[in-house]
């Protein structure tokens, strides 16, 4: 079973990335791997991603979708 994650990210200054990311993954671990390997985010702050995933909203998906980032709004 896969889930749709809605993750509210906030990365402190100097990177100062903030945004909302929706992604599809089978588990929190896979969601972390997808975001940690994304080129959109500064790898210096990878340790801040998992707590955000664990507190994100998750919705079970009925069909089998491909894992990955669906939409990322980062400013």
PDB file of N, CA and C in Angstrom:
ATOM      1  N   UNK A   1       0.836  -1.175   0.000  1.00  0.00           N
ATOM      2  CA  UNK A   1       0.000   0.000   0.000  1.00  0.00           C
ATOM      3  C   UNK A   1       0.887   1.246   0.000  1.00  0.00           C
ATOM      4  N   UNK A   2       0.478   2.222  -0.776  1.00  0.00           N
ATOM      5  CA  UNK A   2       1.228   3.474  -0.850  1.00  0.00           C
ATOM      6  C   UNK A   2       0.388   4.598  -0.255  1.00  0.00           C
ATOM      7  N   UNK A   3       1.088   5.670   0.100  1.00  0.00           N
ATOM      8  CA  UNK A   3       0.458   6.808   0.750  1.00  0.00           C
ATOM      9  C   UNK A   3       0.830   8.106   0.038  1.00  0.00           C
ATOM     10  N   UNK A   4      -0.085   9.048   0.101  1.00  0.00           N
ATOM     11  CA  UNK A   4       0.188  10.402  -0.361  1.00  0.00           C
ATOM     12  C   UNK A   4       0.589  11.197   0.875  1.00  0.00           C
ATOM     13  N   UNK A   5       1.787  11.740   0.854  1.00  0.00           N
ATOM     14  CA  UNK A   5       2.311  12.541   1.955  1.00  0.00           C
ATOM     15  C   UNK A   5       2.208  14.013   1.588  1.00  0.00           C
ATOM     16  N   UNK A   6       1.792  14.816   2.550  1.00  0.00           N
ATOM     17  CA  UNK A   6       1.826  16.270   2.401  1.00  0.00           C
ATOM     18  C   UNK A   6       2.773  16.768   3.482  1.00  0.00           C
ATOM     19  N   UNK A   7       3.965  17.174   3.056  1.00  0.00           N
ATOM     20  CA  UNK A   7       5.044  17.508   3.976  1.00  0.00           C
ATOM     21  C   UNK A   7       5.289  19.014   3.962  1.00  0.00           C
ATOM     22  N   UNK A   8       5.227  19.618   5.137  1.00  0.00           N
ATOM     23  CA  UNK A   8       5.520  21.039   5.311  1.00  0.00           C
ATOM     24  C   UNK A   8       6.984  21.154   5.701  1.00  0.00           C
ATOM     25  N   UNK A   9       7.820  21.628   4.783  1.00  0.00           N
ATOM     26  CA  UNK A   9       9.262  21.716   5.038  1.00  0.00           C
ATOM     27  C   UNK A   9       9.661  23.129   5.433  1.00  0.00           C
ATOM     28  N   UNK A  10      10.597  23.208   6.355  1.00  0.00           N
ATOM     29  CA  UNK A  10      11.196  24.477   6.719  1.00  0.00           C
ATOM     30  C   UNK A  10      12.652  24.222   7.020  1.00  0.00           C
ATOM     31  N   UNK A  11      13.528  24.862   6.279  1.00  0.00           N
ATOM     32  CA  UNK A  11      14.974  24.743   6.453  1.00  0.00           C
ATOM     33  C   UNK A  11      15.478  26.118   6.885  1.00  0.00           C
ATOM     34  N   UNK A  12      16.236  26.194   7.970  1.00  0.00           N
ATOM     35  CA  UNK A  12      16.667  27.492   8.497  1.00  0.00           C
ATOM     36  C   UNK A  12      17.656  28.229   7.593  1.00  0.00           C
ATOM     37  N   UNK A  13      17.851  29.495   7.896  1.00  0.00           N
ATOM     38  CA  UNK A  13      18.838  30.330   7.226  1.00  0.00           C
ATOM     39  C   UNK A  13      20.202  29.680   7.379  1.00  0.00           C
ATOM     40  N   UNK A  14      21.083  29.627   6.439  1.00  0.00           N
ATOM     41  CA  UNK A  14      21.161  30.406   5.221  1.00  0.00           C
ATOM     42  C   UNK A  14      20.446  29.786   4.031  1.00  0.00           C
ATOM     43  N   UNK A  15      20.102  28.500   4.104  1.00  0.00           N
ATOM     44  CA  UNK A  15      19.396  27.891   2.972  1.00  0.00           C
ATOM     45  C   UNK A  15      18.002  28.492   2.860  1.00  0.00           C
ATOM     46  N   UNK A  16      17.326  28.629   3.987  1.00  0.00           N
ATOM     47  CA  UNK A  16      16.016  29.261   4.073  1.00  0.00           C
ATOM     48  C   UNK A  16      15.019  28.721   3.049  1.00  0.00           C
ATOM     49  N   UNK A  17      14.990  27.409   2.903  1.00  0.00           N
ATOM     50  CA  UNK A  17      13.988  26.773   2.043  1.00  0.00           C
ATOM     51  C   UNK A  17      12.741  26.518   2.872  1.00  0.00           C
ATOM     52  N   UNK A  18      11.618  26.883   2.352  1.00  0.00           N
ATOM     53  CA  UNK A  18      10.358  26.586   3.006  1.00  0.00           C
ATOM     54  C   UNK A  18       9.368  26.228   1.920  1.00  0.00           C
ATOM     55  N   UNK A  19       8.442  25.357   2.239  1.00  0.00           N
ATOM     56  CA  UNK A  19       7.488  24.993   1.219  1.00  0.00           C
ATOM     57  C   UNK A  19       6.651  23.790   1.595  1.00  0.00           C
ATOM     58  N   UNK A  20       5.870  23.376   0.647  1.00  0.00           N
ATOM     59  CA  UNK A  20       4.963  22.252   0.795  1.00  0.00           C
ATOM     60  C   UNK A  20       5.286  21.250  -0.304  1.00  0.00           C
ATOM     61  N   UNK A  21       5.503  20.006   0.091  1.00  0.00           N
ATOM     62  CA  UNK A  21       5.857  18.965  -0.865  1.00  0.00           C
ATOM     63  C   UNK A  21       4.840  17.843  -0.751  1.00  0.00           C
ATOM     64  N   UNK A  22       4.289  17.423  -1.883  1.00  0.00           N
ATOM     65  CA  UNK A  22       3.438  16.238  -1.901  1.00  0.00           C
ATOM     66  C   UNK A  22       4.200  15.140  -2.620  1.00  0.00           C
ATOM     67  N   UNK A  23       4.169  13.962  -2.040  1.00  0.00           N
ATOM     68  CA  UNK A  23       4.868  12.845  -2.651  1.00  0.00           C
ATOM     69  C   UNK A  23       4.145  11.543  -2.346  1.00  0.00           C
ATOM     70  N   UNK A  24       4.466  10.528  -3.115  1.00  0.00           N
ATOM     71  CA  UNK A  24       3.898   9.191  -2.947  1.00  0.00           C
ATOM     72  C   UNK A  24       5.018   8.260  -2.516  1.00  0.00           C
ATOM     73  N   UNK A  25       4.742   7.479  -1.449  1.00  0.00           N
ATOM     74  CA  UNK A  25       5.727   6.526  -0.951  1.00  0.00           C
ATOM     75  C   UNK A  25       5.023   5.411  -0.186  1.00  0.00           C
ATOM     76  N   UNK A  26       5.737   4.287  -0.029  1.00  0.00           N
ATOM     77  CA  UNK A  26       5.199   3.143   0.708  1.00  0.00           C
ATOM     78  C   UNK A  26       5.371   3.294   2.213  1.00  0.00           C
ATOM     79  N   UNK A  27       6.346   4.098   2.627  1.00  0.00           N
ATOM     80  CA  UNK A  27       6.641   4.224   4.058  1.00  0.00           C
ATOM     81  C   UNK A  27       7.337   5.558   4.324  1.00  0.00           C
ATOM     82  N   UNK A  28       7.467   5.876   5.624  1.00  0.00           N
ATOM     83  CA  UNK A  28       8.201   7.081   5.997  1.00  0.00           C
ATOM     84  C   UNK A  28       9.644   6.999   5.521  1.00  0.00           C
ATOM     85  N   UNK A  29      10.213   5.802   5.586  1.00  0.00           N
ATOM     86  CA  UNK A  29      11.597   5.615   5.149  1.00  0.00           C
ATOM     87  C   UNK A  29      11.757   5.903   3.661  1.00  0.00           C
ATOM     88  N   UNK A  30      10.831   5.395   2.849  1.00  0.00           N
ATOM     89  CA  UNK A  30      10.918   5.669   1.415  1.00  0.00           C
ATOM     90  C   UNK A  30      10.686   7.147   1.127  1.00  0.00           C
ATOM     91  N   UNK A  31       9.765   7.766   1.845  1.00  0.00           N
ATOM     92  CA  UNK A  31       9.517   9.205   1.676  1.00  0.00           C
ATOM     93  C   UNK A  31      10.783   9.997   1.991  1.00  0.00           C
ATOM     94  N   UNK A  32      11.471   9.609   3.059  1.00  0.00           N
ATOM     95  CA  UNK A  32      12.725  10.265   3.427  1.00  0.00           C
ATOM     96  C   UNK A  32      13.764  10.114   2.318  1.00  0.00           C
ATOM     97  N   UNK A  33      13.919   8.907   1.803  1.00  0.00           N
ATOM     98  CA  UNK A  33      14.898   8.659   0.744  1.00  0.00           C
ATOM     99  C   UNK A  33      14.601   9.496  -0.497  1.00  0.00           C
ATOM    100  N   UNK A  34      13.326   9.617  -0.835  1.00  0.00           N
ATOM    101  CA  UNK A  34      12.943  10.405  -2.015  1.00  0.00           C
ATOM    102  C   UNK A  34      13.334  11.867  -1.815  1.00  0.00           C
ATOM    103  N   UNK A  35      13.011  12.421  -0.640  1.00  0.00           N
ATOM    104  CA  UNK A  35      13.324  13.832  -0.390  1.00  0.00           C
ATOM    105  C   UNK A  35      14.819  14.057  -0.188  1.00  0.00           C
ATOM    106  N   UNK A  36      15.484  13.141   0.499  1.00  0.00           N
ATOM    107  CA  UNK A  36      16.915  13.300   0.747  1.00  0.00           C
ATOM    108  C   UNK A  36      17.725  13.233  -0.550  1.00  0.00           C
ATOM    109  N   UNK A  37      17.242  12.479  -1.522  1.00  0.00           N
ATOM    110  CA  UNK A  37      17.950  12.346  -2.800  1.00  0.00           C
ATOM    111  C   UNK A  37      17.525  13.387  -3.832  1.00  0.00           C
ATOM    112  N   UNK A  38      16.566  14.217  -3.476  1.00  0.00           N
ATOM    113  CA  UNK A  38      16.090  15.248  -4.399  1.00  0.00           C
ATOM    114  C   UNK A  38      17.125  16.366  -4.507  1.00  0.00           C
ATOM    115  N   UNK A  39      17.329  16.844  -5.702  1.00  0.00           N
ATOM    116  CA  UNK A  39      18.278  17.936  -5.927  1.00  0.00           C
ATOM    117  C   UNK A  39      17.704  19.296  -5.529  1.00  0.00           C
ATOM    118  N   UNK A  40      16.415  19.344  -5.215  1.00  0.00           N
ATOM    119  CA  UNK A  40      15.772  20.613  -4.873  1.00  0.00           C
ATOM    120  C   UNK A  40      16.125  21.110  -3.474  1.00  0.00           C
ATOM    121  N   UNK A  41      16.633  20.217  -2.624  1.00  0.00           N
ATOM    122  CA  UNK A  41      16.867  20.574  -1.238  1.00  0.00           C
ATOM    123  C   UNK A  41      18.340  20.499  -0.889  1.00  0.00           C
ATOM    124  N   UNK A  42      18.776  21.399  -0.025  1.00  0.00           N
ATOM    125  CA  UNK A  42      20.163  21.461   0.421  1.00  0.00           C
ATOM    126  C   UNK A  42      20.463  20.235   1.290  1.00  0.00           C
ATOM    127  N   UNK A  43      21.425  19.428   0.895  1.00  0.00           N
ATOM    128  CA  UNK A  43      21.742  18.184   1.611  1.00  0.00           C
ATOM    129  C   UNK A  43      22.320  18.435   3.006  1.00  0.00           C
ATOM    130  N   UNK A  44      22.714  19.659   3.296  1.00  0.00           N
ATOM    131  CA  UNK A  44      23.227  19.996   4.624  1.00  0.00           C
ATOM    132  C   UNK A  44      22.166  19.777   5.699  1.00  0.00           C
ATOM    133  N   UNK A  45      20.903  19.910   5.327  1.00  0.00           N
ATOM    134  CA  UNK A  45      19.810  19.851   6.296  1.00  0.00           C
ATOM    135  C   UNK A  45      18.976  18.577   6.186  1.00  0.00           C
ATOM    136  N   UNK A  46      19.563  17.506   5.679  1.00  0.00           N
ATOM    137  CA  UNK A  46      18.849  16.241   5.522  1.00  0.00           C
ATOM    138  C   UNK A  46      18.287  15.737   6.850  1.00  0.00           C
ATOM    139  N   UNK A  47      18.983  16.013   7.943  1.00  0.00           N
ATOM    140  CA  UNK A  47      18.535  15.550   9.259  1.00  0.00           C
ATOM    141  C   UNK A  47      17.203  16.177   9.691  1.00  0.00           C
ATOM    142  N   UNK A  48      16.784  17.256   9.069  1.00  0.00           N
ATOM    143  CA  UNK A  48      15.525  17.911   9.421  1.00  0.00           C
ATOM    144  C   UNK A  48      14.324  17.334   8.671  1.00  0.00           C
ATOM    145  N   UNK A  49      14.565  16.481   7.685  1.00  0.00           N
ATOM    146  CA  UNK A  49      13.486  15.975   6.843  1.00  0.00           C
ATOM    147  C   UNK A  49      12.631  14.926   7.556  1.00  0.00           C
ATOM    148  N   UNK A  50      13.239  13.958   8.211  1.00  0.00           N
ATOM    149  CA  UNK A  50      12.474  12.862   8.810  1.00  0.00           C
ATOM    150  C   UNK A  50      11.450  13.334   9.842  1.00  0.00           C
ATOM    151  N   UNK A  51      11.787  14.253  10.755  1.00  0.00           N
ATOM    152  CA  UNK A  51      10.758  14.722  11.687  1.00  0.00           C
ATOM    153  C   UNK A  51       9.556  15.344  10.978  1.00  0.00           C
ATOM    154  N   UNK A  52       9.800  16.033   9.868  1.00  0.00           N
ATOM    155  CA  UNK A  52       8.708  16.627   9.104  1.00  0.00           C
ATOM    156  C   UNK A  52       7.848  15.553   8.441  1.00  0.00           C
ATOM    157  N   UNK A  53       8.477  14.490   7.967  1.00  0.00           N
ATOM    158  CA  UNK A  53       7.737  13.380   7.355  1.00  0.00           C
ATOM    159  C   UNK A  53       6.871  12.692   8.401  1.00  0.00           C
ATOM    160  N   UNK A  54       7.427  12.465   9.575  1.00  0.00           N
ATOM    161  CA  UNK A  54       6.705  11.745  10.611  1.00  0.00           C
ATOM    162  C   UNK A  54       5.478  12.513  11.112  1.00  0.00           C
ATOM    163  N   UNK A  55       5.504  13.834  11.016  1.00  0.00           N
ATOM    164  CA  UNK A  55       4.354  14.631  11.457  1.00  0.00           C
ATOM    165  C   UNK A  55       3.479  15.100  10.294  1.00  0.00           C
ATOM    166  N   UNK A  56       3.803  14.661   9.087  1.00  0.00           N
ATOM    167  CA  UNK A  56       3.030  15.086   7.914  1.00  0.00           C
ATOM    168  C   UNK A  56       1.688  14.365   7.840  1.00  0.00           C
ATOM    169  N   UNK A  57       0.803  14.910   7.038  1.00  0.00           N
ATOM    170  CA  UNK A  57      -0.469  14.239   6.772  1.00  0.00           C
ATOM    171  C   UNK A  57      -0.206  13.131   5.764  1.00  0.00           C
ATOM    172  N   UNK A  58      -0.834  11.962   5.999  1.00  0.00           N
ATOM    173  CA  UNK A  58      -0.658  10.813   5.108  1.00  0.00           C
ATOM    174  C   UNK A  58      -2.034  10.283   4.749  1.00  0.00           C
ATOM    175  N   UNK A  59      -2.216  10.006   3.474  1.00  0.00           N
ATOM    176  CA  UNK A  59      -3.485   9.486   2.986  1.00  0.00           C
ATOM    177  C   UNK A  59      -3.240   8.201   2.211  1.00  0.00           C
ATOM    178  N   UNK A  60      -3.939   7.141   2.584  1.00  0.00           N
ATOM    179  CA  UNK A  60      -3.793   5.850   1.892  1.00  0.00           C
ATOM    180  C   UNK A  60      -4.339   5.962   0.482  1.00  0.00           C
ATOM    181  N   UNK A  61      -3.619   5.389  -0.467  1.00  0.00           N
ATOM    182  CA  UNK A  61      -4.031   5.402  -1.870  1.00  0.00           C
ATOM    183  C   UNK A  61      -4.641   4.056  -2.236  1.00  0.00           C
ATOM    184  N   UNK A  62      -5.714   4.093  -2.993  1.00  0.00           N
ATOM    185  CA  UNK A  62      -6.406   2.871  -3.389  1.00  0.00           C
ATOM    186  C   UNK A  62      -5.650   2.157  -4.507  1.00  0.00           C
ATOM    187  N   UNK A  63      -5.185   2.897  -5.485  1.00  0.00           N
ATOM    188  CA  UNK A  63      -4.459   2.317  -6.615  1.00  0.00           C
ATOM    189  C   UNK A  63      -2.960   2.343  -6.356  1.00  0.00           C
ATOM    190  N   UNK A  64      -2.223   1.596  -7.154  1.00  0.00           N
ATOM    191  CA  UNK A  64      -0.774   1.532  -7.025  1.00  0.00           C
ATOM    192  C   UNK A  64      -0.143   2.590  -7.929  1.00  0.00           C
ATOM    193  N   UNK A  65       0.386   3.635  -7.320  1.00  0.00           N
ATOM    194  CA  UNK A  65       1.032   4.708  -8.064  1.00  0.00           C
ATOM    195  C   UNK A  65       2.547   4.595  -7.911  1.00  0.00           C
ATOM    196  N   UNK A  66       3.259   5.198  -8.826  1.00  0.00           N
ATOM    197  CA  UNK A  66       4.715   5.208  -8.763  1.00  0.00           C
ATOM    198  C   UNK A  66       5.159   6.151  -7.639  1.00  0.00           C
ATOM    199  N   UNK A  67       6.130   5.713  -6.864  1.00  0.00           N
ATOM    200  CA  UNK A  67       6.669   6.546  -5.789  1.00  0.00           C
ATOM    201  C   UNK A  67       7.439   7.715  -6.378  1.00  0.00           C
ATOM    202  N   UNK A  68       7.381   8.856  -5.695  1.00  0.00           N
ATOM    203  CA  UNK A  68       8.123  10.031  -6.125  1.00  0.00           C
ATOM    204  C   UNK A  68       7.431  11.307  -5.722  1.00  0.00           C
ATOM    205  N   UNK A  69       8.072  12.415  -6.009  1.00  0.00           N
ATOM    206  CA  UNK A  69       7.513  13.727  -5.706  1.00  0.00           C
ATOM    207  C   UNK A  69       6.436  14.048  -6.737  1.00  0.00           C
ATOM    208  N   UNK A  70       5.264  14.437  -6.240  1.00  0.00           N
ATOM    209  CA  UNK A  70       4.157  14.803  -7.115  1.00  0.00           C
ATOM    210  C   UNK A  70       4.234  16.299  -7.416  1.00  0.00           C
ATOM    211  N   UNK A  71       4.438  17.088  -6.377  1.00  0.00           N
ATOM    212  CA  UNK A  71       4.489  18.548  -6.529  1.00  0.00           C
ATOM    213  C   UNK A  71       5.357  19.110  -5.404  1.00  0.00           C
ATOM    214  N   UNK A  72       6.158  20.099  -5.718  1.00  0.00           N
ATOM    215  CA  UNK A  72       6.987  20.756  -4.714  1.00  0.00           C
ATOM    216  C   UNK A  72       6.902  22.258  -4.915  1.00  0.00           C
ATOM    217  N   UNK A  73       6.423  22.939  -3.897  1.00  0.00           N
ATOM    218  CA  UNK A  73       6.381  24.397  -3.900  1.00  0.00           C
ATOM    219  C   UNK A  73       7.362  24.849  -2.841  1.00  0.00           C
ATOM    220  N   UNK A  74       8.544  25.239  -3.265  1.00  0.00           N
ATOM    221  CA  UNK A  74       9.601  25.635  -2.344  1.00  0.00           C
ATOM    222  C   UNK A  74      10.022  27.059  -2.684  1.00  0.00           C
ATOM    223  N   UNK A  75      10.049  27.907  -1.648  1.00  0.00           N
ATOM    224  CA  UNK A  75      10.460  29.295  -1.851  1.00  0.00           C
ATOM    225  C   UNK A  75      11.633  29.633  -0.966  1.00  0.00           C
TER     226      UNK A  75
END
